[in-house]
PDB file of N, CA and C in Angstrom:
ATOM      1  N   VAL A   1    -100.803-171.415  15.396  1.00  0.00           N
ATOM      2  CA  VAL A   1    -101.874-170.742  14.638  1.00  0.00           C
ATOM      3  C   VAL A   1    -102.072-169.326  15.164  1.00  0.00           C
ATOM      4  N   LEU A   2    -102.081-169.186  16.483  1.00  0.00           N
ATOM      5  CA  LEU A   2    -102.290-167.867  17.087  1.00  0.00           C
ATOM      6  C   LEU A   2    -101.180-166.906  16.671  1.00  0.00           C
ATOM      7  N   LEU A   3     -99.955-167.420  16.589  1.00  0.00           N
ATOM      8  CA  LEU A   3     -98.820-166.583  16.194  1.00  0.00           C
ATOM      9  C   LEU A   3     -98.998-166.107  14.752  1.00  0.00           C
ATOM     10  N   PHE A   4     -99.465-167.019  13.898  1.00  0.00           N
ATOM     11  CA  PHE A   4     -99.681-166.683  12.491  1.00  0.00           C
ATOM     12  C   PHE A   4    -100.722-165.576  12.357  1.00  0.00           C
ATOM     13  N   ILE A   5    -101.796-165.683  13.135  1.00  0.00           N
ATOM     14  CA  ILE A   5    -102.854-164.666  13.111  1.00  0.00           C
ATOM     15  C   ILE A   5    -102.296-163.332  13.590  1.00  0.00           C
ATOM     16  N   GLY A   6    -101.454-163.372  14.608  1.00  0.00           N
ATOM     17  CA  GLY A   6    -100.865-162.147  15.154  1.00  0.00           C
ATOM     18  C   GLY A   6     -99.993-161.461  14.116  1.00  0.00           C
ATOM     19  N   VAL A   7     -99.165-162.238  13.425  1.00  0.00           N
ATOM     20  CA  VAL A   7     -98.287-161.684  12.388  1.00  0.00           C
ATOM     21  C   VAL A   7     -99.121-161.116  11.246  1.00  0.00           C
ATOM     22  N   PHE A   8    -100.162-161.842  10.854  1.00  0.00           N
ATOM     23  CA  PHE A   8    -101.031-161.388   9.767  1.00  0.00           C
ATOM     24  C   PHE A   8    -101.726-160.086  10.142  1.00  0.00           C
ATOM     25  N   PHE A   9    -102.173-159.985  11.405  1.00  0.00           N
ATOM     26  CA  PHE A   9    -102.854-158.785  11.882  1.00  0.00           C
ATOM     27  C   PHE A   9    -101.920-157.580  11.852  1.00  0.00           C
ATOM     28  N   VAL A  10    -100.688-157.779  12.311  1.00  0.00           N
ATOM     29  CA  VAL A  10     -99.703-156.689  12.318  1.00  0.00           C
ATOM     30  C   VAL A  10     -99.380-156.260  10.885  1.00  0.00           C
ATOM     31  N   LEU A  11     -99.223-157.248   9.995  1.00  0.00           N
ATOM     32  CA  LEU A  11     -98.902-156.944   8.605  1.00  0.00           C
ATOM     33  C   LEU A  11    -100.047-156.165   7.956  1.00  0.00           C
ATOM     34  N   ALA A  12    -101.274-156.603   8.208  1.00  0.00           N
ATOM     35  CA  ALA A  12    -102.448-155.925   7.644  1.00  0.00           C
ATOM     36  C   ALA A  12    -102.555-154.509   8.208  1.00  0.00           C
ATOM     37  N   TRP A  13    -102.229-154.358   9.511  1.00  0.00           N
ATOM     38  CA  TRP A  13    -102.307-153.039  10.148  1.00  0.00           C
ATOM     39  C   TRP A  13    -101.294-152.080   9.520  1.00  0.00           C
ATOM     40  N   ARG A  14    -100.097-152.594   9.268  1.00  0.00           N
ATOM     41  CA  ARG A  14     -99.058-151.760   8.658  1.00  0.00           C
ATOM     42  C   ARG A  14     -99.460-151.343   7.246  1.00  0.00           C
ATOM     43  N   LEU A  15    -100.005-152.282   6.479  1.00  0.00           N
ATOM     44  CA  LEU A  15    -100.431-151.979   5.115  1.00  0.00           C
ATOM     45  C   LEU A  15    -101.568-150.975   5.133  1.00  0.00           C
ATOM     46  N   ASN A  16    -102.486-151.119   6.087  1.00  0.00           N
ATOM     47  CA  ASN A  16    -103.622-150.212   6.202  1.00  0.00           C
ATOM     48  C   ASN A  16    -103.138-148.809   6.566  1.00  0.00           C
ATOM     49  N   ALA A  17    -102.184-148.733   7.491  1.00  0.00           N
ATOM     50  CA  ALA A  17    -101.650-147.437   7.919  1.00  0.00           C
ATOM     51  C   ALA A  17    -100.945-146.757   6.739  1.00  0.00           C
ATOM     52  N   ALA A  18    -100.179-147.525   5.981  1.00  0.00           N
ATOM     53  CA  ALA A  18     -99.469-146.974   4.829  1.00  0.00           C
ATOM     54  C   ALA A  18    -100.468-146.528   3.770  1.00  0.00           C
ATOM     55  N   TYR A  19    -101.551-147.282   3.631  1.00  0.00           N
ATOM     56  CA  TYR A  19    -102.585-146.949   2.645  1.00  0.00           C
ATOM     57  C   TYR A  19    -103.238-145.612   2.972  1.00  0.00           C
ATOM     58  N   TRP A  20    -103.644-145.450   4.244  1.00  0.00           N
ATOM     59  CA  TRP A  20    -104.284-144.196   4.644  1.00  0.00           C
ATOM     60  C   TRP A  20    -103.301-143.035   4.571  1.00  0.00           C
ATOM     61  N   LYS A  21    -102.031-143.307   4.897  1.00  0.00           N
ATOM     62  CA  LYS A  21    -101.011-142.263   4.837  1.00  0.00           C
ATOM     63  C   LYS A  21    -100.820-141.816   3.386  1.00  0.00           C
ATOM     64  N   ASP A  22    -100.922-142.766   2.458  1.00  0.00           N
ATOM     65  CA  ASP A  22    -100.752-142.457   1.052  1.00  0.00           C
ATOM     66  C   ASP A  22    -101.943-141.629   0.552  1.00  0.00           C
ATOM     67  N   ILE A  23    -103.130-141.918   1.074  1.00  0.00           N
ATOM     68  CA  ILE A  23    -104.336-141.187   0.679  1.00  0.00           C
ATOM     69  C   ILE A  23    -104.224-139.729   1.121  1.00  0.00           C
ATOM     70  N   LYS A  24    -103.891-139.533   2.401  1.00  0.00           N
ATOM     71  CA  LYS A  24    -103.772-138.185   2.935  1.00  0.00           C
ATOM     72  C   LYS A  24    -102.487-137.530   2.419  1.00  0.00           C
TER      73      LYS A  24
END
């Protein structure tokens, strides 16, 4: 379960970074 949360967190972080990069 902890591994799944870690992968989800990294995936969300990457999507968030790409989102902000797209905005700017």
